[in-house]
């Protein structure tokens, strides 16, 4: 078997230009390794943080009960919910309109009448 010391004895010393290139390459590998490690830790931290916050996404506060009033003589056509807002589309004597309500309070936020032309 060949001895490891024999390999080192056979190698000629590097010229100064190649030694500088080798040092730069070592520094580059060190920087890229540190960057990869920091990126991996950041992703791991984000996953752990998100898993711990899953319970925080549940609705907070008490359940609410409210009454939403639509114009008399109108027919309910469609409803849509977005967060704590309720959009109600009704057909009434004045034409089709959309009413936007704040669900916890039952308060009318806005109303739009749709006209056909």
N, C-alpha and C. Protein backbone atom coordinates (compact mmCIF):
# COMPACT_ATOMS: atom_id res chain seq x y z
N UNK A 1 0.82 -1.19 0.00
CA UNK A 1 0.00 0.00 0.00
C UNK A 1 0.86 1.24 0.00
N UNK A 2 0.38 2.26 -0.66
CA UNK A 2 1.13 3.50 -0.72
C UNK A 2 0.92 4.30 0.56
N UNK A 3 1.95 4.94 1.00
CA UNK A 3 1.89 5.74 2.22
C UNK A 3 1.46 7.16 1.84
N UNK A 4 0.63 7.80 2.69
CA UNK A 4 0.14 9.15 2.42
C UNK A 4 1.28 10.14 2.38
N UNK A 5 2.35 9.85 3.12
CA UNK A 5 3.50 10.77 3.13
C UNK A 5 4.20 10.78 1.78
N UNK A 6 4.14 9.66 1.05
CA UNK A 6 4.78 9.59 -0.26
C UNK A 6 4.12 10.54 -1.25
N UNK A 7 2.78 10.68 -1.18
CA UNK A 7 2.07 11.58 -2.08
C UNK A 7 2.48 13.02 -1.84
N UNK A 8 2.64 13.40 -0.59
CA UNK A 8 2.99 14.79 -0.28
C UNK A 8 4.42 15.10 -0.69
N UNK A 9 5.26 14.11 -0.62
CA UNK A 9 6.65 14.34 -1.01
C UNK A 9 6.76 14.50 -2.52
N UNK A 10 5.90 13.83 -3.27
CA UNK A 10 5.98 13.89 -4.73
C UNK A 10 5.42 15.19 -5.29
N UNK A 11 4.52 15.86 -4.54
CA UNK A 11 3.89 17.08 -5.05
C UNK A 11 4.86 18.25 -5.00
N UNK A 12 4.86 19.00 -6.06
CA UNK A 12 5.69 20.20 -6.11
C UNK A 12 4.92 21.33 -5.46
N UNK A 13 5.55 22.27 -4.81
CA UNK A 13 4.84 23.40 -4.20
C UNK A 13 4.16 24.25 -5.28
N UNK A 14 3.01 24.82 -4.90
CA UNK A 14 2.26 25.64 -5.85
C UNK A 14 2.95 26.98 -6.05
N UNK A 15 2.81 27.49 -7.26
CA UNK A 15 3.35 28.82 -7.49
C UNK A 15 2.44 29.84 -6.79
N UNK A 16 2.91 31.03 -6.50
CA UNK A 16 2.14 32.02 -5.73
C UNK A 16 0.80 32.39 -6.36
N UNK A 17 0.69 32.41 -7.67
CA UNK A 17 -0.57 32.77 -8.34
C UNK A 17 -1.63 31.70 -8.06
N UNK A 18 -1.26 30.44 -8.14
CA UNK A 18 -2.21 29.36 -7.87
C UNK A 18 -2.58 29.31 -6.39
N UNK A 19 -1.65 29.66 -5.53
CA UNK A 19 -1.95 29.69 -4.10
C UNK A 19 -2.98 30.76 -3.78
N UNK A 20 -2.88 31.92 -4.44
CA UNK A 20 -3.88 32.99 -4.25
C UNK A 20 -5.25 32.54 -4.75
N UNK A 21 -5.28 31.86 -5.88
CA UNK A 21 -6.54 31.35 -6.42
C UNK A 21 -7.14 30.34 -5.45
N UNK A 22 -6.29 29.48 -4.90
CA UNK A 22 -6.77 28.49 -3.95
C UNK A 22 -7.32 29.15 -2.68
N UNK A 23 -6.71 30.20 -2.20
CA UNK A 23 -7.19 30.92 -1.01
C UNK A 23 -8.53 31.61 -1.30
N UNK A 24 -8.64 32.22 -2.49
CA UNK A 24 -9.91 32.85 -2.87
C UNK A 24 -11.03 31.82 -2.95
N UNK A 25 -10.72 30.65 -3.50
CA UNK A 25 -11.71 29.59 -3.62
C UNK A 25 -12.15 29.10 -2.23
N UNK A 26 -11.21 28.99 -1.31
CA UNK A 26 -11.57 28.59 0.05
C UNK A 26 -12.50 29.62 0.70
N UNK A 27 -12.19 30.90 0.52
CA UNK A 27 -13.04 31.96 1.09
C UNK A 27 -14.43 31.91 0.46
N UNK A 28 -14.49 31.72 -0.86
CA UNK A 28 -15.78 31.64 -1.55
C UNK A 28 -16.60 30.46 -1.04
N UNK A 29 -15.98 29.33 -0.84
CA UNK A 29 -16.69 28.15 -0.33
C UNK A 29 -17.17 28.41 1.10
N UNK A 30 -16.39 29.09 1.91
CA UNK A 30 -16.79 29.41 3.28
C UNK A 30 -18.00 30.34 3.28
N UNK A 31 -17.97 31.38 2.44
CA UNK A 31 -19.08 32.33 2.37
C UNK A 31 -20.35 31.63 1.85
N UNK A 32 -20.23 30.81 0.82
CA UNK A 32 -21.41 30.14 0.29
C UNK A 32 -21.96 29.12 1.29
N UNK A 33 -21.11 28.47 2.05
CA UNK A 33 -21.57 27.53 3.08
C UNK A 33 -22.31 28.25 4.20
N UNK A 34 -21.80 29.39 4.62
CA UNK A 34 -22.46 30.18 5.67
C UNK A 34 -23.81 30.69 5.15
N UNK A 35 -23.85 31.16 3.91
CA UNK A 35 -25.10 31.64 3.32
C UNK A 35 -26.14 30.52 3.24
N UNK A 36 -25.73 29.35 2.84
CA UNK A 36 -26.63 28.21 2.77
C UNK A 36 -27.15 27.85 4.16
N UNK A 37 -26.27 27.87 5.17
CA UNK A 37 -26.69 27.57 6.54
C UNK A 37 -27.68 28.58 7.07
N UNK A 38 -27.43 29.86 6.83
CA UNK A 38 -28.35 30.91 7.29
C UNK A 38 -29.70 30.77 6.58
N UNK A 39 -29.69 30.49 5.29
CA UNK A 39 -30.94 30.30 4.56
C UNK A 39 -31.73 29.12 5.08
N UNK A 40 -31.04 28.03 5.35
CA UNK A 40 -31.71 26.85 5.89
C UNK A 40 -32.33 27.15 7.25
N UNK A 41 -31.59 27.85 8.11
CA UNK A 41 -32.12 28.22 9.43
C UNK A 41 -33.32 29.16 9.31
N UNK A 42 -33.28 30.07 8.34
CA UNK A 42 -34.40 31.00 8.15
C UNK A 42 -35.66 30.24 7.73
N UNK A 43 -35.53 29.29 6.82
CA UNK A 43 -36.68 28.50 6.39
C UNK A 43 -37.20 27.65 7.54
N UNK A 44 -36.32 27.04 8.29
CA UNK A 44 -36.72 26.23 9.44
C UNK A 44 -37.45 27.10 10.48
N UNK A 45 -36.93 28.28 10.75
CA UNK A 45 -37.57 29.20 11.69
C UNK A 45 -38.96 29.60 11.18
N UNK A 46 -39.09 29.89 9.88
CA UNK A 46 -40.39 30.29 9.33
C UNK A 46 -41.41 29.17 9.44
N UNK A 47 -41.00 27.93 9.20
CA UNK A 47 -41.92 26.81 9.30
C UNK A 47 -42.37 26.62 10.74
N UNK A 48 -41.44 26.67 11.68
CA UNK A 48 -41.79 26.51 13.10
C UNK A 48 -42.70 27.65 13.55
N UNK A 49 -42.39 28.88 13.14
CA UNK A 49 -43.20 30.04 13.53
C UNK A 49 -44.63 29.90 12.98
N UNK A 50 -44.75 29.45 11.73
CA UNK A 50 -46.07 29.30 11.12
C UNK A 50 -46.88 28.19 11.79
N UNK A 51 -46.23 27.09 12.12
CA UNK A 51 -46.93 25.99 12.79
C UNK A 51 -47.43 26.46 14.17
N UNK A 52 -46.64 27.24 14.87
CA UNK A 52 -47.05 27.73 16.18
C UNK A 52 -48.16 28.77 16.09
N UNK A 53 -48.30 29.42 14.96
CA UNK A 53 -49.34 30.45 14.79
C UNK A 53 -50.65 29.89 14.25
N UNK A 54 -50.75 28.60 13.98
CA UNK A 54 -51.98 28.03 13.44
C UNK A 54 -53.16 28.26 14.37
N UNK A 55 -52.94 28.20 15.67
CA UNK A 55 -54.02 28.42 16.62
C UNK A 55 -54.45 29.88 16.66
N UNK A 56 -53.55 30.79 16.32
CA UNK A 56 -53.86 32.22 16.35
C UNK A 56 -54.80 32.63 15.22
N UNK A 57 -54.91 31.81 14.17
CA UNK A 57 -55.76 32.16 13.04
C UNK A 57 -57.24 31.89 13.31
N UNK A 58 -57.53 31.24 14.41
CA UNK A 58 -58.93 30.96 14.75
C UNK A 58 -59.63 32.27 15.08
N UNK A 59 -60.92 32.36 14.81
CA UNK A 59 -61.65 33.59 15.11
C UNK A 59 -61.60 33.90 16.60
N UNK A 60 -61.44 35.17 16.91
CA UNK A 60 -61.35 35.60 18.30
C UNK A 60 -62.64 36.28 18.71
N UNK A 61 -62.84 36.35 19.98
CA UNK A 61 -64.01 37.05 20.50
C UNK A 61 -65.21 36.13 20.61
N UNK A 62 -66.27 36.70 21.07
CA UNK A 62 -67.49 35.94 21.27
C UNK A 62 -68.29 35.85 19.96
N UNK A 63 -69.15 34.86 19.92
CA UNK A 63 -70.05 34.74 18.77
C UNK A 63 -71.01 35.93 18.78
N UNK A 64 -71.40 36.37 17.63
CA UNK A 64 -72.29 37.53 17.56
C UNK A 64 -73.61 37.12 16.93
N UNK A 65 -74.60 37.90 17.19
CA UNK A 65 -75.91 37.70 16.60
C UNK A 65 -76.40 39.09 16.19
N UNK A 66 -76.77 39.24 14.93
CA UNK A 66 -77.26 40.53 14.47
C UNK A 66 -78.40 40.32 13.50
N UNK A 67 -79.14 41.39 13.28
CA UNK A 67 -80.27 41.36 12.35
C UNK A 67 -79.97 42.33 11.23
N UNK A 68 -80.16 41.86 10.00
CA UNK A 68 -79.92 42.68 8.82
C UNK A 68 -81.27 42.93 8.17
N UNK A 69 -81.59 44.19 7.95
CA UNK A 69 -82.88 44.54 7.35
C UNK A 69 -82.70 44.89 5.88
N UNK A 70 -83.49 44.27 5.03
CA UNK A 70 -83.51 44.61 3.61
C UNK A 70 -84.81 45.35 3.33
N UNK A 71 -84.87 46.11 2.24
CA UNK A 71 -86.09 46.88 1.96
C UNK A 71 -87.33 46.01 1.87
N UNK A 72 -88.46 46.55 2.34
CA UNK A 72 -89.73 45.82 2.31
C UNK A 72 -90.15 45.56 0.87
N UNK A 73 -90.72 44.40 0.60
CA UNK A 73 -91.20 44.07 -0.74
C UNK A 73 -90.11 43.63 -1.68
N UNK A 74 -88.90 43.40 -1.18
CA UNK A 74 -87.81 42.99 -2.06
C UNK A 74 -87.59 41.48 -1.95
N UNK A 75 -86.98 40.92 -2.97
CA UNK A 75 -86.70 39.49 -3.04
C UNK A 75 -85.19 39.29 -2.96
N UNK A 76 -84.77 38.41 -2.08
CA UNK A 76 -83.35 38.11 -1.93
C UNK A 76 -82.87 37.31 -3.13
N UNK A 77 -81.80 37.79 -3.80
CA UNK A 77 -81.27 37.14 -4.99
C UNK A 77 -79.98 36.38 -4.67
N UNK A 78 -79.07 37.02 -3.93
CA UNK A 78 -77.76 36.41 -3.68
C UNK A 78 -77.15 37.00 -2.43
N UNK A 79 -76.25 36.24 -1.79
CA UNK A 79 -75.48 36.73 -0.64
C UNK A 79 -74.03 36.33 -0.82
N UNK A 80 -73.13 37.10 -0.23
CA UNK A 80 -71.70 36.78 -0.24
C UNK A 80 -71.10 37.32 1.05
N UNK A 81 -70.15 36.56 1.61
CA UNK A 81 -69.50 36.95 2.86
C UNK A 81 -68.01 37.15 2.59
N UNK A 82 -67.45 38.23 3.16
CA UNK A 82 -66.02 38.50 3.07
C UNK A 82 -65.57 39.01 4.43
N UNK A 83 -64.96 38.15 5.22
CA UNK A 83 -64.53 38.54 6.56
C UNK A 83 -65.74 38.82 7.42
N UNK A 84 -65.88 40.06 7.88
CA UNK A 84 -67.03 40.41 8.71
C UNK A 84 -68.04 41.26 7.93
N UNK A 85 -67.99 41.17 6.61
CA UNK A 85 -68.93 41.91 5.76
C UNK A 85 -69.85 40.95 5.03
N UNK A 86 -71.07 41.38 4.83
CA UNK A 86 -72.07 40.59 4.13
C UNK A 86 -72.63 41.42 2.99
N UNK A 87 -72.56 40.90 1.78
CA UNK A 87 -73.14 41.56 0.61
C UNK A 87 -74.43 40.83 0.26
N UNK A 88 -75.53 41.58 0.18
CA UNK A 88 -76.84 41.02 -0.12
C UNK A 88 -77.35 41.67 -1.40
N UNK A 89 -77.69 40.83 -2.39
CA UNK A 89 -78.26 41.35 -3.64
C UNK A 89 -79.76 41.09 -3.59
N UNK A 90 -80.55 42.15 -3.80
CA UNK A 90 -82.01 42.04 -3.72
C UNK A 90 -82.66 42.64 -4.97
N UNK A 91 -83.81 42.07 -5.33
CA UNK A 91 -84.66 42.65 -6.37
C UNK A 91 -85.79 43.36 -5.65
N UNK A 92 -85.90 44.65 -5.88
CA UNK A 92 -86.93 45.43 -5.21
C UNK A 92 -87.72 46.26 -6.19
N UNK A 93 -88.62 47.08 -5.68
CA UNK A 93 -89.43 47.92 -6.55
C UNK A 93 -88.59 48.93 -7.34
N UNK A 94 -87.43 49.33 -6.80
CA UNK A 94 -86.56 50.29 -7.49
C UNK A 94 -85.54 49.64 -8.38
N UNK A 95 -85.60 48.32 -8.57
CA UNK A 95 -84.62 47.59 -9.38
C UNK A 95 -83.73 46.74 -8.50
N UNK A 96 -82.73 46.16 -9.10
CA UNK A 96 -81.80 45.29 -8.36
C UNK A 96 -80.76 46.16 -7.65
N UNK A 97 -80.47 45.81 -6.39
CA UNK A 97 -79.49 46.58 -5.64
C UNK A 97 -78.65 45.65 -4.77
N UNK A 98 -77.47 46.14 -4.42
CA UNK A 98 -76.54 45.39 -3.56
C UNK A 98 -76.36 46.20 -2.28
N UNK A 99 -76.57 45.55 -1.14
CA UNK A 99 -76.41 46.19 0.16
C UNK A 99 -75.25 45.51 0.87
N UNK A 100 -74.36 46.32 1.46
CA UNK A 100 -73.20 45.81 2.18
C UNK A 100 -73.38 46.09 3.66
N UNK A 101 -73.32 45.02 4.48
CA UNK A 101 -73.55 45.12 5.91
C UNK A 101 -72.31 44.70 6.70
N UNK A 102 -72.14 45.30 7.88
CA UNK A 102 -71.13 44.87 8.84
C UNK A 102 -71.83 43.84 9.73
N UNK A 103 -71.41 42.56 9.64
CA UNK A 103 -72.15 41.48 10.28
C UNK A 103 -72.21 41.56 11.81
N UNK A 104 -71.11 41.84 12.53
CA UNK A 104 -71.24 41.86 13.99
C UNK A 104 -72.24 42.89 14.50
N UNK A 105 -72.34 44.02 13.84
CA UNK A 105 -73.26 45.06 14.32
C UNK A 105 -74.58 45.07 13.56
N UNK A 106 -74.64 44.48 12.36
CA UNK A 106 -75.84 44.52 11.54
C UNK A 106 -76.04 45.86 10.86
N UNK A 107 -75.04 46.73 10.93
CA UNK A 107 -75.12 48.08 10.38
C UNK A 107 -74.91 48.07 8.87
N UNK A 108 -75.70 48.88 8.17
CA UNK A 108 -75.57 49.03 6.72
C UNK A 108 -74.35 49.88 6.43
N UNK A 109 -73.40 49.35 5.66
CA UNK A 109 -72.19 50.09 5.31
C UNK A 109 -72.43 50.89 4.04
N UNK A 110 -73.08 50.28 3.07
CA UNK A 110 -73.33 50.98 1.81
C UNK A 110 -74.33 50.23 0.97
N UNK A 111 -74.84 50.93 -0.04
CA UNK A 111 -75.84 50.35 -0.92
C UNK A 111 -75.62 50.86 -2.34
N UNK A 112 -75.81 49.97 -3.30
CA UNK A 112 -75.65 50.33 -4.70
C UNK A 112 -76.84 49.81 -5.49
N UNK A 113 -77.42 50.67 -6.30
CA UNK A 113 -78.52 50.25 -7.17
C UNK A 113 -77.99 49.97 -8.55
N UNK A 114 -78.39 48.84 -9.10
CA UNK A 114 -77.92 48.42 -10.43
C UNK A 114 -79.00 48.77 -11.45
N UNK A 115 -78.61 49.55 -12.46
CA UNK A 115 -79.56 49.99 -13.49
C UNK A 115 -79.20 49.34 -14.82
N UNK A 116 -80.20 48.89 -15.55
CA UNK A 116 -79.99 48.33 -16.88
C UNK A 116 -80.19 49.44 -17.90
N UNK A 117 -79.32 49.53 -18.89
CA UNK A 117 -79.44 50.57 -19.91
C UNK A 117 -79.47 49.94 -21.28
